[in-house]
Amino acid sequence: MELQARALTLAYGRRVAVDGVSLTVHPGECVALLGPNGSGKSTLLRGLARLLKPAAGEVVLGERPLSRWPAAELARTLAVLPQSPQSPGDLTVEQLVLLGRHPYQGFLALPDAADRAAVQSALVQTDMLALAERPLTDLSGGERQRAWIALTLAQEPRVLLLDEPTTYLDLGHALAVLELVHRLNRARGMAVVMALHDLSQAMRFADRVVLLQRGRIAAEGPPGEVLTPAIIRSVFGIEVEILWTAGGVPVVAPVRQAIAEDAAPA
């Protein structure tokens, strides 16, 4: 299902954080939102998830403005995983994932066969079935993140929004989480939008990157066309080299801070 931001402006009081952004995310596409701290990545995700009311413009999901979607129907179609999510109480993995089925259940309804099947499928896809009875508090950071992704999969969404899904994870867990998201994106044909801070991760896993600067789109397109040394210097103010590993994996290697005359004008 297609997700669109149309001239979207988002603000906190009088402070504009996203300024007139237009963006289309196609079914089955993985889009990475990149930019310096304060560039508007997380705010844009909040707007796309209907967690922040637009100051101007609109978000359209399918053929309908997001504002016209009933809450339960939206939750069955679009799932969002914020930074550092907190679980209500001391839940097991299975109990957490079952929360993803609330949009399908009536008031005070007990889980039915469809709910149990969806939870089972989500646990299998995230390789969490063996940990289903474990409390979240007993898990590693990477395992907890996979449990939260399993919750979003139990919603059976067509669009998945992820805000810095590798925050606080070590290199191994971060790679595992992004490989999981990439695999699910391809297998399910979900549209995925994720805010990232690691340019190398975006180079490797995204179909398209959207580079934000001061709440506006500075560049957009395939990673290899957007994440060039010149554009990175302009937006981030650093000199980089693009290296390729023996296995063909791109790496963005910072070299130094750009000198003032090389950086973008204020």
Protein backbone atom coordinates (compact mmCIF):
# COMPACT_ATOMS: atom_id res chain seq x y z
CA MET A 1 0.00 0.00 0.00
CA GLU A 2 1.34 3.42 -0.95
CA LEU A 3 2.11 5.99 1.75
CA GLN A 4 2.41 9.67 0.83
CA ALA A 5 3.35 12.87 2.60
CA ARG A 6 1.97 15.84 0.67
CA ALA A 7 3.58 19.20 1.47
CA LEU A 8 3.71 18.01 5.08
CA THR A 9 4.64 20.51 7.78
CA LEU A 10 5.02 19.36 11.38
CA ALA A 11 5.68 21.60 14.34
CA TYR A 12 6.07 21.62 18.10
CA GLY A 13 4.29 24.78 19.10
CA ARG A 14 5.81 27.54 16.98
CA ARG A 15 8.94 25.55 16.13
CA VAL A 16 8.69 23.94 12.69
CA ALA A 17 10.52 20.60 12.62
CA VAL A 18 9.44 19.33 9.17
CA ASP A 19 8.82 21.97 6.53
CA GLY A 20 6.71 21.16 3.47
CA VAL A 21 8.02 17.65 2.83
CA SER A 22 6.52 15.62 -0.01
CA LEU A 23 7.42 11.94 -0.14
CA THR A 24 5.92 8.77 -1.65
CA VAL A 25 6.74 5.30 -0.35
CA HIS A 26 5.71 2.50 -2.70
CA PRO A 27 4.56 -1.02 -1.75
CA GLY A 28 7.52 -3.33 -1.14
CA GLU A 29 9.99 -0.45 -0.96
CA CYS A 30 12.48 0.13 1.88
CA VAL A 31 13.21 3.82 2.46
CA ALA A 32 15.80 5.14 4.90
CA LEU A 33 15.44 8.60 6.44
CA LEU A 34 18.86 10.11 7.10
CA GLY A 35 20.20 13.39 8.36
CA PRO A 36 22.05 15.10 11.20
CA ASN A 37 20.57 15.23 14.68
CA GLY A 38 17.62 17.62 14.67
CA SER A 39 17.04 17.30 10.93
CA GLY A 40 13.48 16.00 11.38
CA LYS A 41 13.80 12.22 10.87
CA SER A 42 11.89 11.11 13.97
CA THR A 43 9.36 13.93 13.62
CA LEU A 44 8.63 12.93 10.03
CA LEU A 45 8.06 9.33 11.14
CA ARG A 46 5.66 10.56 13.85
CA GLY A 47 3.73 12.47 11.23
CA LEU A 48 3.60 9.46 8.92
CA ALA A 49 2.30 7.37 11.83
CA ARG A 50 -0.43 9.90 12.79
CA LEU A 51 1.28 10.46 16.13
CA LEU A 52 1.70 14.17 15.37
CA LYS A 53 -1.00 16.29 13.75
CA PRO A 54 0.15 18.19 10.66
CA ALA A 55 0.45 21.96 10.89
CA ALA A 56 -0.06 21.96 7.12
CA GLY A 57 -0.31 19.41 4.32
CA GLU A 58 -1.44 15.83 4.81
CA VAL A 59 -0.45 12.16 4.89
CA VAL A 60 -2.32 9.78 2.57
CA LEU A 61 -2.38 6.00 2.99
CA GLY A 62 -3.77 4.18 -0.01
CA GLU A 63 -6.52 6.43 -1.32
CA ARG A 64 -7.49 8.04 2.01
CA PRO A 65 -5.97 10.82 4.11
CA LEU A 66 -4.56 9.34 7.30
CA SER A 67 -6.91 11.52 9.34
CA ARG A 68 -9.90 9.62 7.93
CA TRP A 69 -8.70 6.14 8.92
CA PRO A 70 -10.47 4.58 11.94
CA ALA A 71 -7.88 3.74 14.63
CA ALA A 72 -8.36 -0.04 14.55
CA GLU A 73 -8.26 -0.22 10.76
CA LEU A 74 -5.12 1.93 10.68
CA ALA A 75 -3.44 -0.32 13.26
CA ARG A 76 -4.19 -3.33 11.06
CA THR A 77 -2.53 -1.61 8.10
CA LEU A 78 0.33 0.47 9.49
CA ALA A 79 2.65 -0.48 12.35
CA VAL A 80 5.20 1.75 14.05
CA LEU A 81 8.12 0.87 16.30
CA PRO A 82 9.43 3.92 18.20
CA GLN A 83 12.86 4.35 19.72
CA SER A 84 13.34 2.45 22.98
CA PRO A 85 9.74 1.16 23.35
CA GLN A 86 8.56 0.34 26.86
CA SER A 87 6.37 -2.66 27.62
CA PRO A 88 3.38 -2.41 29.98
CA GLY A 89 4.43 -4.51 32.96
CA ASP A 90 6.70 -7.54 33.12
CA LEU A 91 5.55 -9.48 30.06
CA THR A 92 6.86 -12.58 28.38
CA VAL A 93 7.80 -12.42 24.71
CA GLU A 94 4.59 -14.19 23.69
CA GLN A 95 2.44 -11.84 25.80
CA LEU A 96 4.11 -8.83 24.22
CA VAL A 97 3.60 -10.13 20.69
CA LEU A 98 -0.04 -10.89 21.43
CA LEU A 99 -0.56 -7.16 22.02
CA GLY A 100 -0.15 -6.76 18.28
CA ARG A 101 -3.47 -8.55 17.82
CA HIS A 102 -5.55 -5.97 19.72
CA PRO A 103 -6.70 -4.22 16.49
CA TYR A 104 -8.33 -7.51 15.43
CA GLN A 105 -10.08 -8.28 18.71
CA GLY A 106 -13.38 -7.08 20.07
CA PHE A 107 -13.72 -5.51 23.50
CA LEU A 108 -12.54 -7.97 26.16
CA ALA A 109 -12.30 -10.70 23.51
CA LEU A 110 -10.01 -13.65 24.10
CA PRO A 111 -7.40 -14.63 21.48
CA ASP A 112 -8.85 -16.88 18.80
CA ALA A 113 -7.19 -19.29 16.38
CA ALA A 114 -6.30 -16.50 13.93
CA ASP A 115 -4.62 -14.51 16.72
CA ARG A 116 -2.62 -17.50 17.90
CA ALA A 117 -1.56 -18.32 14.34
CA ALA A 118 -0.43 -14.73 13.71
CA VAL A 119 1.59 -14.68 16.94
CA GLN A 120 3.16 -18.04 16.11
CA SER A 121 4.08 -16.83 12.61
CA ALA A 122 5.60 -13.61 13.98
CA LEU A 123 7.68 -15.53 16.51
CA VAL A 124 8.93 -17.93 13.85
CA GLN A 125 9.80 -15.16 11.39
CA THR A 126 11.81 -13.28 14.02
CA ASP A 127 13.46 -16.46 15.35
CA MET A 128 11.91 -15.86 18.78
CA LEU A 129 9.78 -19.00 19.15
CA ALA A 130 12.26 -20.66 21.51
CA LEU A 131 12.15 -17.55 23.72
CA ALA A 132 8.35 -17.18 23.75
CA GLU A 133 8.01 -17.88 27.49
CA ARG A 134 10.99 -15.76 28.53
CA PRO A 135 10.36 -12.43 30.31
CA LEU A 136 11.48 -9.43 28.30
CA THR A 137 13.68 -8.41 31.22
CA ASP A 138 15.78 -11.56 30.72
CA LEU A 139 16.58 -10.82 27.06
CA SER A 140 19.54 -9.15 25.43
CA GLY A 141 19.05 -5.85 23.62
CA GLY A 142 18.95 -7.56 20.23
CA GLU A 143 16.45 -10.17 21.43
CA ARG A 144 14.17 -7.49 22.88
CA GLN A 145 14.25 -5.59 19.60
CA ARG A 146 13.33 -8.74 17.70
CA ALA A 147 10.45 -9.28 20.14
CA TRP A 148 9.13 -5.78 19.41
CA ILE A 149 9.45 -6.38 15.68
CA ALA A 150 7.48 -9.60 16.18
CA LEU A 151 4.73 -7.51 17.81
CA THR A 152 4.52 -5.29 14.74
CA LEU A 153 4.40 -8.36 12.48
CA ALA A 154 1.54 -9.80 14.51
CA GLN A 155 -0.43 -6.73 13.42
CA GLU A 156 0.00 -8.04 9.85
CA PRO A 157 0.68 -4.51 8.54
CA ARG A 158 1.24 -3.43 4.97
CA VAL A 159 3.41 -0.49 6.05
CA LEU A 160 6.09 -0.62 8.76
CA LEU A 161 7.69 2.48 10.31
CA LEU A 162 10.86 2.08 12.40
CA ASP A 163 12.55 4.86 14.36
CA GLU A 164 16.27 4.13 14.83
CA PRO A 165 15.73 0.35 15.17
CA THR A 166 19.42 -0.26 15.97
CA THR A 167 19.78 2.34 18.75
CA TYR A 168 21.79 1.00 21.72
CA LEU A 169 22.53 -2.28 19.93
CA ASP A 170 26.03 -3.62 19.41
CA LEU A 171 27.28 -4.26 15.89
CA GLY A 172 26.18 -7.88 15.76
CA HIS A 173 22.66 -7.25 17.06
CA ALA A 174 22.26 -4.18 14.84
CA LEU A 175 23.18 -6.18 11.76
CA ALA A 176 20.83 -9.01 12.75
CA VAL A 177 17.89 -6.62 13.22
CA LEU A 178 18.43 -4.88 9.87
CA GLU A 179 18.84 -8.19 8.04
CA LEU A 180 15.57 -9.32 9.62
CA VAL A 181 13.75 -6.15 8.53
CA HIS A 182 15.19 -6.48 5.02
CA ARG A 183 14.16 -10.12 4.78
CA LEU A 184 10.60 -9.38 5.95
CA ASN A 185 10.36 -6.43 3.59
CA ARG A 186 11.20 -8.69 0.67
CA ALA A 187 9.16 -11.69 1.80
CA ARG A 188 5.99 -9.80 2.73
CA GLY A 189 6.21 -6.94 0.25
CA MET A 190 5.70 -4.44 3.07
CA ALA A 191 6.58 -0.82 2.58
CA VAL A 192 9.25 0.00 5.18
CA VAL A 193 10.37 3.44 6.31
CA MET A 194 13.14 3.59 8.88
CA ALA A 195 15.05 6.47 10.40
CA LEU A 196 18.75 5.62 10.63
CA HIS A 197 21.90 7.41 11.70
CA ASP A 198 24.38 4.95 10.18
CA LEU A 199 25.01 5.80 6.53
CA SER A 200 26.65 2.44 5.81
CA GLN A 201 23.52 0.63 7.00
CA ALA A 202 21.41 2.74 4.67
CA MET A 203 23.76 2.05 1.76
CA ARG A 204 23.39 -1.66 2.34
CA PHE A 205 19.72 -2.14 3.18
CA ALA A 206 17.66 0.69 1.66
CA ASP A 207 16.21 0.87 -1.84
CA ARG A 208 16.02 4.64 -1.52
CA VAL A 209 17.33 7.20 0.94
CA VAL A 210 15.80 10.54 1.88
CA LEU A 211 18.39 12.93 3.25
CA LEU A 212 16.90 15.57 5.55
CA GLN A 213 18.47 18.87 6.54
CA ARG A 214 16.76 21.45 8.74
CA GLY A 215 13.39 19.78 8.22
CA ARG A 216 13.54 19.71 4.43
CA ILE A 217 14.63 17.13 1.87
CA ALA A 218 18.19 17.90 0.81
CA ALA A 219 18.53 14.88 -1.51
CA GLU A 220 16.55 11.77 -2.41
CA GLY A 221 17.19 8.69 -4.53
CA PRO A 222 19.11 5.41 -4.68
CA PRO A 223 21.76 5.22 -1.94
CA GLY A 224 24.67 5.14 -4.38
CA GLU A 225 23.48 8.36 -6.03
CA VAL A 226 22.66 10.30 -2.88
CA LEU A 227 25.34 9.20 -0.42
CA THR A 228 28.29 10.66 -2.28
CA PRO A 229 31.22 12.39 -0.59
CA ALA A 230 30.10 15.78 -1.93
CA ILE A 231 26.51 15.50 -0.67
CA ILE A 232 27.58 14.07 2.68
CA ARG A 233 30.05 16.93 3.08
CA SER A 234 27.31 19.45 2.33
CA VAL A 235 24.73 18.02 4.73
CA PHE A 236 26.81 16.54 7.56
CA GLY A 237 29.89 18.76 7.35
CA ILE A 238 32.33 15.85 7.21
CA GLU A 239 34.71 14.42 4.66
CA VAL A 240 34.15 10.73 3.90
CA GLU A 241 35.39 7.99 1.64
CA ILE A 242 33.11 5.33 0.17
CA LEU A 243 34.87 1.97 0.49
CA TRP A 244 33.83 -1.46 -0.70
CA THR A 245 34.59 -4.66 1.18
CA ALA A 246 35.75 -7.82 -0.53
CA GLY A 247 32.19 -9.08 -0.25
CA GLY A 248 30.82 -6.06 -2.11
CA VAL A 249 29.40 -4.29 0.97
CA PRO A 250 29.66 -0.46 0.87
CA VAL A 251 31.11 1.36 3.87
CA VAL A 252 30.97 5.10 4.49
CA ALA A 253 34.22 5.93 6.26
CA PRO A 254 34.51 9.36 7.97
CA VAL A 255 37.86 11.04 7.38
CA ARG A 256 37.65 14.45 9.06
CA GLN A 257 35.45 17.45 9.67
CA ALA A 258 34.97 19.49 6.51
CA ILE A 259 36.62 22.89 6.51
CA ALA A 260 34.23 25.81 6.66
CA GLU A 261 34.40 26.78 2.99
CA ASP A 262 33.56 23.20 1.92
CA ALA A 263 30.47 22.87 4.06
CA ALA A 264 27.01 24.00 3.00
CA PRO A 265 26.22 27.66 3.59
CA ALA A 266 24.03 28.41 6.58
